[in-house]
Amino acid sequence: MTDFFPYDEMTWPEVADLPRDTPLIIPLGDGYDLAHLAGALGNPARAGLLPPIPFGWRGSGLAVPEPLLGRLLANLLDSLRDDGFSR
């Protein structure tokens, strides 16, 4: 069973000690089936949950244009890769 841990509650030394092949998940919204997600990731021993990214659709209370959401996610992924994370 995969142990999901809150990445945003880790200290910098804990992040530095984290194996770089640990899967990190950027949730978009809420309501995820973690057992299904673990299976899709190959049932790793541990996986980090980053803070969820709130977004909406045109006409909702929090409409985020797709190009902006795409740039935000690309920047987050680039930063994680720059820190050596590969999954």
PDB file of N, CA and C in Angstrom:
ATOM      1  N   MET A   1       0.844  -1.180   0.000  1.00  0.00           N
ATOM      2  CA  MET A   1       0.000   0.000   0.000  1.00  0.00           C
ATOM      3  C   MET A   1       0.890   1.243   0.000  1.00  0.00           C
ATOM      4  N   THR A   2       0.569   2.168  -0.847  1.00  0.00           N
ATOM      5  CA  THR A   2       1.360   3.393  -0.981  1.00  0.00           C
ATOM      6  C   THR A   2       1.090   4.344   0.179  1.00  0.00           C
ATOM      7  N   ASP A   3       2.170   4.867   0.742  1.00  0.00           N
ATOM      8  CA  ASP A   3       2.079   5.889   1.784  1.00  0.00           C
ATOM      9  C   ASP A   3       2.133   7.251   1.096  1.00  0.00           C
ATOM     10  N   PHE A   4       1.008   7.970   1.081  1.00  0.00           N
ATOM     11  CA  PHE A   4       0.962   9.317   0.518  1.00  0.00           C
ATOM     12  C   PHE A   4       1.305  10.305   1.624  1.00  0.00           C
ATOM     13  N   PHE A   5       2.265  11.166   1.364  1.00  0.00           N
ATOM     14  CA  PHE A   5       2.675  12.138   2.377  1.00  0.00           C
ATOM     15  C   PHE A   5       2.515  13.553   1.828  1.00  0.00           C
ATOM     16  N   PRO A   6       2.195  14.517   2.714  1.00  0.00           N
ATOM     17  CA  PRO A   6       2.025  15.908   2.274  1.00  0.00           C
ATOM     18  C   PRO A   6       3.381  16.589   2.077  1.00  0.00           C
ATOM     19  N   TYR A   7       3.756  16.786   0.841  1.00  0.00           N
ATOM     20  CA  TYR A   7       5.040  17.401   0.494  1.00  0.00           C
ATOM     21  C   TYR A   7       5.193  18.775   1.133  1.00  0.00           C
ATOM     22  N   ASP A   8       4.116  19.545   1.186  1.00  0.00           N
ATOM     23  CA  ASP A   8       4.210  20.917   1.695  1.00  0.00           C
ATOM     24  C   ASP A   8       4.411  20.989   3.209  1.00  0.00           C
ATOM     25  N   GLU A   9       4.325  19.864   3.901  1.00  0.00           N
ATOM     26  CA  GLU A   9       4.581  19.852   5.340  1.00  0.00           C
ATOM     27  C   GLU A   9       6.000  19.393   5.671  1.00  0.00           C
ATOM     28  N   MET A  10       6.781  19.105   4.636  1.00  0.00           N
ATOM     29  CA  MET A  10       8.156  18.650   4.852  1.00  0.00           C
ATOM     30  C   MET A  10       9.080  19.844   5.075  1.00  0.00           C
ATOM     31  N   THR A  11      10.124  19.614   5.855  1.00  0.00           N
ATOM     32  CA  THR A  11      11.163  20.630   6.025  1.00  0.00           C
ATOM     33  C   THR A  11      12.131  20.523   4.851  1.00  0.00           C
ATOM     34  N   TRP A  12      12.953  21.570   4.665  1.00  0.00           N
ATOM     35  CA  TRP A  12      13.940  21.520   3.577  1.00  0.00           C
ATOM     36  C   TRP A  12      14.901  20.351   3.746  1.00  0.00           C
ATOM     37  N   PRO A  13      15.387  20.046   4.958  1.00  0.00           N
ATOM     38  CA  PRO A  13      16.258  18.875   5.096  1.00  0.00           C
ATOM     39  C   PRO A  13      15.544  17.568   4.723  1.00  0.00           C
ATOM     40  N   GLU A  14      14.250  17.466   5.036  1.00  0.00           N
ATOM     41  CA  GLU A  14      13.502  16.259   4.661  1.00  0.00           C
ATOM     42  C   GLU A  14      13.377  16.152   3.145  1.00  0.00           C
ATOM     43  N   VAL A  15      13.130  17.274   2.485  1.00  0.00           N
ATOM     44  CA  VAL A  15      13.051  17.269   1.018  1.00  0.00           C
ATOM     45  C   VAL A  15      14.409  16.900   0.430  1.00  0.00           C
ATOM     46  N   ALA A  16      15.477  17.425   1.001  1.00  0.00           N
ATOM     47  CA  ALA A  16      16.826  17.118   0.505  1.00  0.00           C
ATOM     48  C   ALA A  16      17.129  15.633   0.625  1.00  0.00           C
ATOM     49  N   ASP A  17      16.609  14.978   1.663  1.00  0.00           N
ATOM     50  CA  ASP A  17      16.858  13.550   1.875  1.00  0.00           C
ATOM     51  C   ASP A  17      15.913  12.649   1.087  1.00  0.00           C
ATOM     52  N   LEU A  18      14.902  13.209   0.467  1.00  0.00           N
ATOM     53  CA  LEU A  18      13.917  12.424  -0.260  1.00  0.00           C
ATOM     54  C   LEU A  18      14.546  11.830  -1.522  1.00  0.00           C
ATOM     55  N   PRO A  19      14.409  10.509  -1.728  1.00  0.00           N
ATOM     56  CA  PRO A  19      14.937   9.928  -2.971  1.00  0.00           C
ATOM     57  C   PRO A  19      14.327  10.629  -4.183  1.00  0.00           C
ATOM     58  N   ARG A  20      15.145  10.951  -5.154  1.00  0.00           N
ATOM     59  CA  ARG A  20      14.701  11.741  -6.298  1.00  0.00           C
ATOM     60  C   ARG A  20      13.800  10.979  -7.257  1.00  0.00           C
ATOM     61  N   ASP A  21      13.665   9.665  -7.068  1.00  0.00           N
ATOM     62  CA  ASP A  21      12.723   8.915  -7.900  1.00  0.00           C
ATOM     63  C   ASP A  21      11.374   8.719  -7.202  1.00  0.00           C
ATOM     64  N   THR A  22      11.166   9.407  -6.065  1.00  0.00           N
ATOM     65  CA  THR A  22       9.876   9.359  -5.379  1.00  0.00           C
ATOM     66  C   THR A  22       8.831  10.058  -6.243  1.00  0.00           C
ATOM     67  N   PRO A  23       7.703   9.396  -6.526  1.00  0.00           N
ATOM     68  CA  PRO A  23       6.666  10.069  -7.312  1.00  0.00           C
ATOM     69  C   PRO A  23       6.084  11.256  -6.548  1.00  0.00           C
ATOM     70  N   LEU A  24       5.938  12.368  -7.237  1.00  0.00           N
ATOM     71  CA  LEU A  24       5.311  13.561  -6.676  1.00  0.00           C
ATOM     72  C   LEU A  24       4.082  13.887  -7.519  1.00  0.00           C
ATOM     73  N   ILE A  25       2.985  14.180  -6.855  1.00  0.00           N
ATOM     74  CA  ILE A  25       1.710  14.384  -7.527  1.00  0.00           C
ATOM     75  C   ILE A  25       1.256  15.822  -7.323  1.00  0.00           C
ATOM     76  N   ILE A  26       0.884  16.472  -8.414  1.00  0.00           N
ATOM     77  CA  ILE A  26       0.309  17.814  -8.354  1.00  0.00           C
ATOM     78  C   ILE A  26      -1.193  17.653  -8.591  1.00  0.00           C
ATOM     79  N   PRO A  27      -1.991  17.648  -7.515  1.00  0.00           N
ATOM     80  CA  PRO A  27      -3.434  17.476  -7.697  1.00  0.00           C
ATOM     81  C   PRO A  27      -4.067  18.700  -8.364  1.00  0.00           C
ATOM     82  N   LEU A  28      -4.939  18.440  -9.294  1.00  0.00           N
ATOM     83  CA  LEU A  28      -5.729  19.496  -9.920  1.00  0.00           C
ATOM     84  C   LEU A  28      -7.147  19.338  -9.390  1.00  0.00           C
ATOM     85  N   GLY A  29      -7.540  20.200  -8.478  1.00  0.00           N
ATOM     86  CA  GLY A  29      -8.854  20.081  -7.858  1.00  0.00           C
ATOM     87  C   GLY A  29      -8.806  19.146  -6.667  1.00  0.00           C
ATOM     88  N   ASP A  30      -9.901  18.393  -6.457  1.00  0.00           N
ATOM     89  CA  ASP A  30      -9.951  17.490  -5.313  1.00  0.00           C
ATOM     90  C   ASP A  30     -10.729  16.231  -5.676  1.00  0.00           C
ATOM     91  N   GLY A  31     -10.868  15.340  -4.698  1.00  0.00           N
ATOM     92  CA  GLY A  31     -11.682  14.151  -4.896  1.00  0.00           C
ATOM     93  C   GLY A  31     -10.965  12.993  -5.564  1.00  0.00           C
ATOM     94  N   TYR A  32      -9.684  12.834  -5.308  1.00  0.00           N
ATOM     95  CA  TYR A  32      -8.928  11.761  -5.946  1.00  0.00           C
ATOM     96  C   TYR A  32      -9.100  10.437  -5.218  1.00  0.00           C
ATOM     97  N   ASP A  33      -9.150   9.349  -5.963  1.00  0.00           N
ATOM     98  CA  ASP A  33      -9.142   7.998  -5.419  1.00  0.00           C
ATOM     99  C   ASP A  33      -7.675   7.597  -5.301  1.00  0.00           C
ATOM    100  N   LEU A  34      -7.123   7.691  -4.093  1.00  0.00           N
ATOM    101  CA  LEU A  34      -5.691   7.465  -3.910  1.00  0.00           C
ATOM    102  C   LEU A  34      -5.290   6.031  -4.224  1.00  0.00           C
ATOM    103  N   ALA A  35      -6.164   5.055  -3.967  1.00  0.00           N
ATOM    104  CA  ALA A  35      -5.830   3.662  -4.293  1.00  0.00           C
ATOM    105  C   ALA A  35      -5.681   3.502  -5.811  1.00  0.00           C
ATOM    106  N   HIS A  36      -6.573   4.117  -6.567  1.00  0.00           N
ATOM    107  CA  HIS A  36      -6.486   4.065  -8.033  1.00  0.00           C
ATOM    108  C   HIS A  36      -5.225   4.775  -8.518  1.00  0.00           C
ATOM    109  N   LEU A  37      -4.939   5.922  -7.925  1.00  0.00           N
ATOM    110  CA  LEU A  37      -3.745   6.683  -8.290  1.00  0.00           C
ATOM    111  C   LEU A  37      -2.483   5.877  -8.001  1.00  0.00           C
ATOM    112  N   ALA A  38      -2.446   5.218  -6.842  1.00  0.00           N
ATOM    113  CA  ALA A  38      -1.286   4.384  -6.496  1.00  0.00           C
ATOM    114  C   ALA A  38      -1.096   3.282  -7.529  1.00  0.00           C
ATOM    115  N   GLY A  39      -2.183   2.652  -7.938  1.00  0.00           N
ATOM    116  CA  GLY A  39      -2.093   1.605  -8.949  1.00  0.00           C
ATOM    117  C   GLY A  39      -1.569   2.131 -10.270  1.00  0.00           C
ATOM    118  N   ALA A  40      -2.022   3.323 -10.665  1.00  0.00           N
ATOM    119  CA  ALA A  40      -1.555   3.928 -11.917  1.00  0.00           C
ATOM    120  C   ALA A  40      -0.068   4.257 -11.861  1.00  0.00           C
ATOM    121  N   LEU A  41       0.448   4.489 -10.651  1.00  0.00           N
ATOM    122  CA  LEU A  41       1.874   4.794 -10.474  1.00  0.00           C
ATOM    123  C   LEU A  41       2.717   3.538 -10.265  1.00  0.00           C
ATOM    124  N   GLY A  42       2.089   2.371 -10.275  1.00  0.00           N
ATOM    125  CA  GLY A  42       2.833   1.135 -10.061  1.00  0.00           C
ATOM    126  C   GLY A  42       2.981   0.782  -8.590  1.00  0.00           C
ATOM    127  N   ASN A  43       2.102   1.299  -7.742  1.00  0.00           N
ATOM    128  CA  ASN A  43       2.102   1.022  -6.301  1.00  0.00           C
ATOM    129  C   ASN A  43       3.451   1.270  -5.638  1.00  0.00           C
ATOM    130  N   PRO A  44       3.972   2.493  -5.731  1.00  0.00           N
ATOM    131  CA  PRO A  44       5.241   2.797  -5.062  1.00  0.00           C
ATOM    132  C   PRO A  44       5.062   2.763  -3.544  1.00  0.00           C
ATOM    133  N   ALA A  45       6.158   2.580  -2.821  1.00  0.00           N
ATOM    134  CA  ALA A  45       6.092   2.557  -1.358  1.00  0.00           C
ATOM    135  C   ALA A  45       5.609   3.898  -0.819  1.00  0.00           C
ATOM    136  N   ARG A  46       6.078   5.000  -1.415  1.00  0.00           N
ATOM    137  CA  ARG A  46       5.708   6.349  -0.969  1.00  0.00           C
ATOM    138  C   ARG A  46       5.459   7.225  -2.188  1.00  0.00           C
ATOM    139  N   ALA A  47       4.604   8.216  -2.002  1.00  0.00           N
ATOM    140  CA  ALA A  47       4.354   9.220  -3.042  1.00  0.00           C
ATOM    141  C   ALA A  47       3.985  10.522  -2.347  1.00  0.00           C
ATOM    142  N   GLY A  48       4.523  11.618  -2.852  1.00  0.00           N
ATOM    143  CA  GLY A  48       4.262  12.924  -2.264  1.00  0.00           C
ATOM    144  C   GLY A  48       3.104  13.627  -2.937  1.00  0.00           C
ATOM    145  N   LEU A  49       2.254  14.218  -2.117  1.00  0.00           N
ATOM    146  CA  LEU A  49       1.152  15.030  -2.625  1.00  0.00           C
ATOM    147  C   LEU A  49       1.509  16.496  -2.447  1.00  0.00           C
ATOM    148  N   LEU A  50       1.684  17.198  -3.551  1.00  0.00           N
ATOM    149  CA  LEU A  50       1.914  18.632  -3.486  1.00  0.00           C
ATOM    150  C   LEU A  50       0.578  19.323  -3.226  1.00  0.00           C
ATOM    151  N   PRO A  51       0.599  20.602  -2.850  1.00  0.00           N
ATOM    152  CA  PRO A  51      -0.673  21.295  -2.629  1.00  0.00           C
ATOM    153  C   PRO A  51      -1.508  21.298  -3.910  1.00  0.00           C
ATOM    154  N   PRO A  52      -2.828  21.123  -3.785  1.00  0.00           N
ATOM    155  CA  PRO A  52      -3.670  21.118  -4.986  1.00  0.00           C
ATOM    156  C   PRO A  52      -3.676  22.478  -5.672  1.00  0.00           C
ATOM    157  N   ILE A  53      -3.815  22.442  -6.983  1.00  0.00           N
ATOM    158  CA  ILE A  53      -3.904  23.653  -7.793  1.00  0.00           C
ATOM    159  C   ILE A  53      -5.391  23.907  -8.060  1.00  0.00           C
ATOM    160  N   PRO A  54      -5.958  24.964  -7.470  1.00  0.00           N
ATOM    161  CA  PRO A  54      -7.365  25.249  -7.747  1.00  0.00           C
ATOM    162  C   PRO A  54      -7.511  25.854  -9.142  1.00  0.00           C
ATOM    163  N   PHE A  55      -8.541  25.470  -9.822  1.00  0.00           N
ATOM    164  CA  PHE A  55      -8.798  26.049 -11.135  1.00  0.00           C
ATOM    165  C   PHE A  55     -10.288  25.952 -11.416  1.00  0.00           C
ATOM    166  N   GLY A  56     -10.737  26.685 -12.366  1.00  0.00           N
ATOM    167  CA  GLY A  56     -12.131  26.635 -12.756  1.00  0.00           C
ATOM    168  C   GLY A  56     -12.249  26.669 -14.264  1.00  0.00           C
ATOM    169  N   TRP A  57     -13.425  26.808 -14.713  1.00  0.00           N
ATOM    170  CA  TRP A  57     -13.696  26.855 -16.140  1.00  0.00           C
ATOM    171  C   TRP A  57     -14.402  28.168 -16.440  1.00  0.00           C
ATOM    172  N   ARG A  58     -14.472  28.501 -17.686  1.00  0.00           N
ATOM    173  CA  ARG A  58     -15.108  29.751 -18.090  1.00  0.00           C
ATOM    174  C   ARG A  58     -16.510  29.825 -17.488  1.00  0.00           C
ATOM    175  N   GLY A  59     -16.787  30.922 -16.818  1.00  0.00           N
ATOM    176  CA  GLY A  59     -18.085  31.105 -16.186  1.00  0.00           C
ATOM    177  C   GLY A  59     -18.125  30.679 -14.728  1.00  0.00           C
ATOM    178  N   SER A  60     -17.090  30.011 -14.251  1.00  0.00           N
ATOM    179  CA  SER A  60     -17.060  29.611 -12.841  1.00  0.00           C
ATOM    180  C   SER A  60     -16.472  30.744 -12.008  1.00  0.00           C
ATOM    181  N   GLY A  61     -16.488  30.561 -10.704  1.00  0.00           N
ATOM    182  CA  GLY A  61     -15.975  31.593  -9.816  1.00  0.00           C
ATOM    183  C   GLY A  61     -14.473  31.770  -9.877  1.00  0.00           C
ATOM    184  N   LEU A  62     -13.763  30.774 -10.370  1.00  0.00           N
ATOM    185  CA  LEU A  62     -12.301  30.841 -10.443  1.00  0.00           C
ATOM    186  C   LEU A  62     -11.849  30.376 -11.826  1.00  0.00           C
ATOM    187  N   ALA A  63     -12.218  31.135 -12.827  1.00  0.00           N
ATOM    188  CA  ALA A  63     -11.845  30.783 -14.194  1.00  0.00           C
ATOM    189  C   ALA A  63     -10.362  31.058 -14.404  1.00  0.00           C
ATOM    190  N   VAL A  64      -9.637  30.038 -14.808  1.00  0.00           N
ATOM    191  CA  VAL A  64      -8.209  30.168 -15.099  1.00  0.00           C
ATOM    192  C   VAL A  64      -8.023  29.796 -16.569  1.00  0.00           C
ATOM    193  N   PRO A  65      -7.560  30.723 -17.389  1.00  0.00           N
ATOM    194  CA  PRO A  65      -7.359  30.406 -18.804  1.00  0.00           C
ATOM    195  C   PRO A  65      -6.386  29.228 -18.971  1.00  0.00           C
ATOM    196  N   GLU A  66      -6.695  28.344 -19.909  1.00  0.00           N
ATOM    197  CA  GLU A  66      -5.856  27.162 -20.128  1.00  0.00           C
ATOM    198  C   GLU A  66      -4.389  27.499 -20.359  1.00  0.00           C
ATOM    199  N   PRO A  67      -4.057  28.526 -21.157  1.00  0.00           N
ATOM    200  CA  PRO A  67      -2.632  28.835 -21.340  1.00  0.00           C
ATOM    201  C   PRO A  67      -1.935  29.192 -20.025  1.00  0.00           C
ATOM    202  N   LEU A  68      -2.627  29.909 -19.156  1.00  0.00           N
ATOM    203  CA  LEU A  68      -2.038  30.276 -17.869  1.00  0.00           C
ATOM    204  C   LEU A  68      -1.848  29.043 -16.986  1.00  0.00           C
ATOM    205  N   LEU A  69      -2.859  28.181 -16.924  1.00  0.00           N
ATOM    206  CA  LEU A  69      -2.742  26.949 -16.144  1.00  0.00           C
ATOM    207  C   LEU A  69      -1.602  26.089 -16.687  1.00  0.00           C
ATOM    208  N   GLY A  70      -1.485  26.003 -17.998  1.00  0.00           N
ATOM    209  CA  GLY A  70      -0.404  25.235 -18.612  1.00  0.00           C
ATOM    210  C   GLY A  70       0.968  25.778 -18.251  1.00  0.00           C
ATOM    211  N   ARG A  71       1.121  27.098 -18.263  1.00  0.00           N
ATOM    212  CA  ARG A  71       2.414  27.703 -17.902  1.00  0.00           C
ATOM    213  C   ARG A  71       2.737  27.476 -16.432  1.00  0.00           C
ATOM    214  N   LEU A  72       1.721  27.586 -15.576  1.00  0.00           N
ATOM    215  CA  LEU A  72       1.921  27.340 -14.149  1.00  0.00           C
ATOM    216  C   LEU A  72       2.405  25.913 -13.911  1.00  0.00           C
ATOM    217  N   LEU A  73       1.727  24.944 -14.518  1.00  0.00           N
ATOM    218  CA  LEU A  73       2.114  23.543 -14.339  1.00  0.00           C
ATOM    219  C   LEU A  73       3.495  23.270 -14.928  1.00  0.00           C
ATOM    220  N   ALA A  74       3.788  23.833 -16.088  1.00  0.00           N
ATOM    221  CA  ALA A  74       5.112  23.647 -16.693  1.00  0.00           C
ATOM    222  C   ALA A  74       6.200  24.209 -15.791  1.00  0.00           C
ATOM    223  N   ASN A  75       5.949  25.368 -15.187  1.00  0.00           N
ATOM    224  CA  ASN A  75       6.928  25.969 -14.285  1.00  0.00           C
ATOM    225  C   ASN A  75       7.142  25.092 -13.054  1.00  0.00           C
ATOM    226  N   LEU A  76       6.062  24.572 -12.475  1.00  0.00           N
ATOM    227  CA  LEU A  76       6.195  23.679 -11.319  1.00  0.00           C
ATOM    228  C   LEU A  76       6.995  22.428 -11.676  1.00  0.00           C
ATOM    229  N   LEU A  77       6.675  21.826 -12.817  1.00  0.00           N
ATOM    230  CA  LEU A  77       7.397  20.623 -13.242  1.00  0.00           C
ATOM    231  C   LEU A  77       8.867  20.923 -13.499  1.00  0.00           C
ATOM    232  N   ASP A  78       9.152  22.046 -14.137  1.00  0.00           N
ATOM    233  CA  ASP A  78      10.550  22.435 -14.373  1.00  0.00           C
ATOM    234  C   ASP A  78      11.299  22.601 -13.059  1.00  0.00           C
ATOM    235  N   SER A  79      10.659  23.219 -12.069  1.00  0.00           N
ATOM    236  CA  SER A  79      11.306  23.421 -10.769  1.00  0.00           C
ATOM    237  C   SER A  79      11.590  22.093 -10.082  1.00  0.00           C
ATOM    238  N   LEU A  80      10.637  21.168 -10.145  1.00  0.00           N
ATOM    239  CA  LEU A  80      10.855  19.852  -9.532  1.00  0.00           C
ATOM    240  C   LEU A  80      11.974  19.098 -10.252  1.00  0.00           C
ATOM    241  N   ARG A  81      11.998  19.193 -11.579  1.00  0.00           N
ATOM    242  CA  ARG A  81      13.086  18.544 -12.339  1.00  0.00           C
ATOM    243  C   ARG A  81      14.429  19.187 -12.015  1.00  0.00           C
ATOM    244  N   ASP A  82      14.452  20.516 -11.892  1.00  0.00           N
ATOM    245  CA  ASP A  82      15.691  21.217 -11.527  1.00  0.00           C
ATOM    246  C   ASP A  82      16.214  20.744 -10.174  1.00  0.00           C
ATOM    247  N   ASP A  83      15.296  20.362  -9.282  1.00  0.00           N
ATOM    248  CA  ASP A  83      15.686  19.839  -7.969  1.00  0.00           C
ATOM    249  C   ASP A  83      16.041  18.358  -8.022  1.00  0.00           C
ATOM    250  N   GLY A  84      15.966  17.757  -9.209  1.00  0.00           N
ATOM    251  CA  GLY A  84      16.400  16.378  -9.380  1.00  0.00           C
ATOM    252  C   GLY A  84      15.305  15.334  -9.353  1.00  0.00           C
ATOM    253  N   PHE A  85      14.053  15.739  -9.171  1.00  0.00           N
ATOM    254  CA  PHE A  85      12.968  14.753  -9.137  1.00  0.00           C
ATOM    255  C   PHE A  85      12.663  14.279 -10.550  1.00  0.00           C
ATOM    256  N   SER A  86      12.398  12.979 -10.663  1.00  0.00           N
ATOM    257  CA  SER A  86      12.228  12.405 -11.995  1.00  0.00           C
ATOM    258  C   SER A  86      10.840  11.813 -12.230  1.00  0.00           C
ATOM    259  N   ARG A  87      10.012  11.738 -11.202  1.00  0.00           N
ATOM    260  CA  ARG A  87       8.681  11.135 -11.371  1.00  0.00           C
ATOM    261  C   ARG A  87       7.609  12.040 -10.835  1.00  0.00           C
TER     262      ARG A  87
END
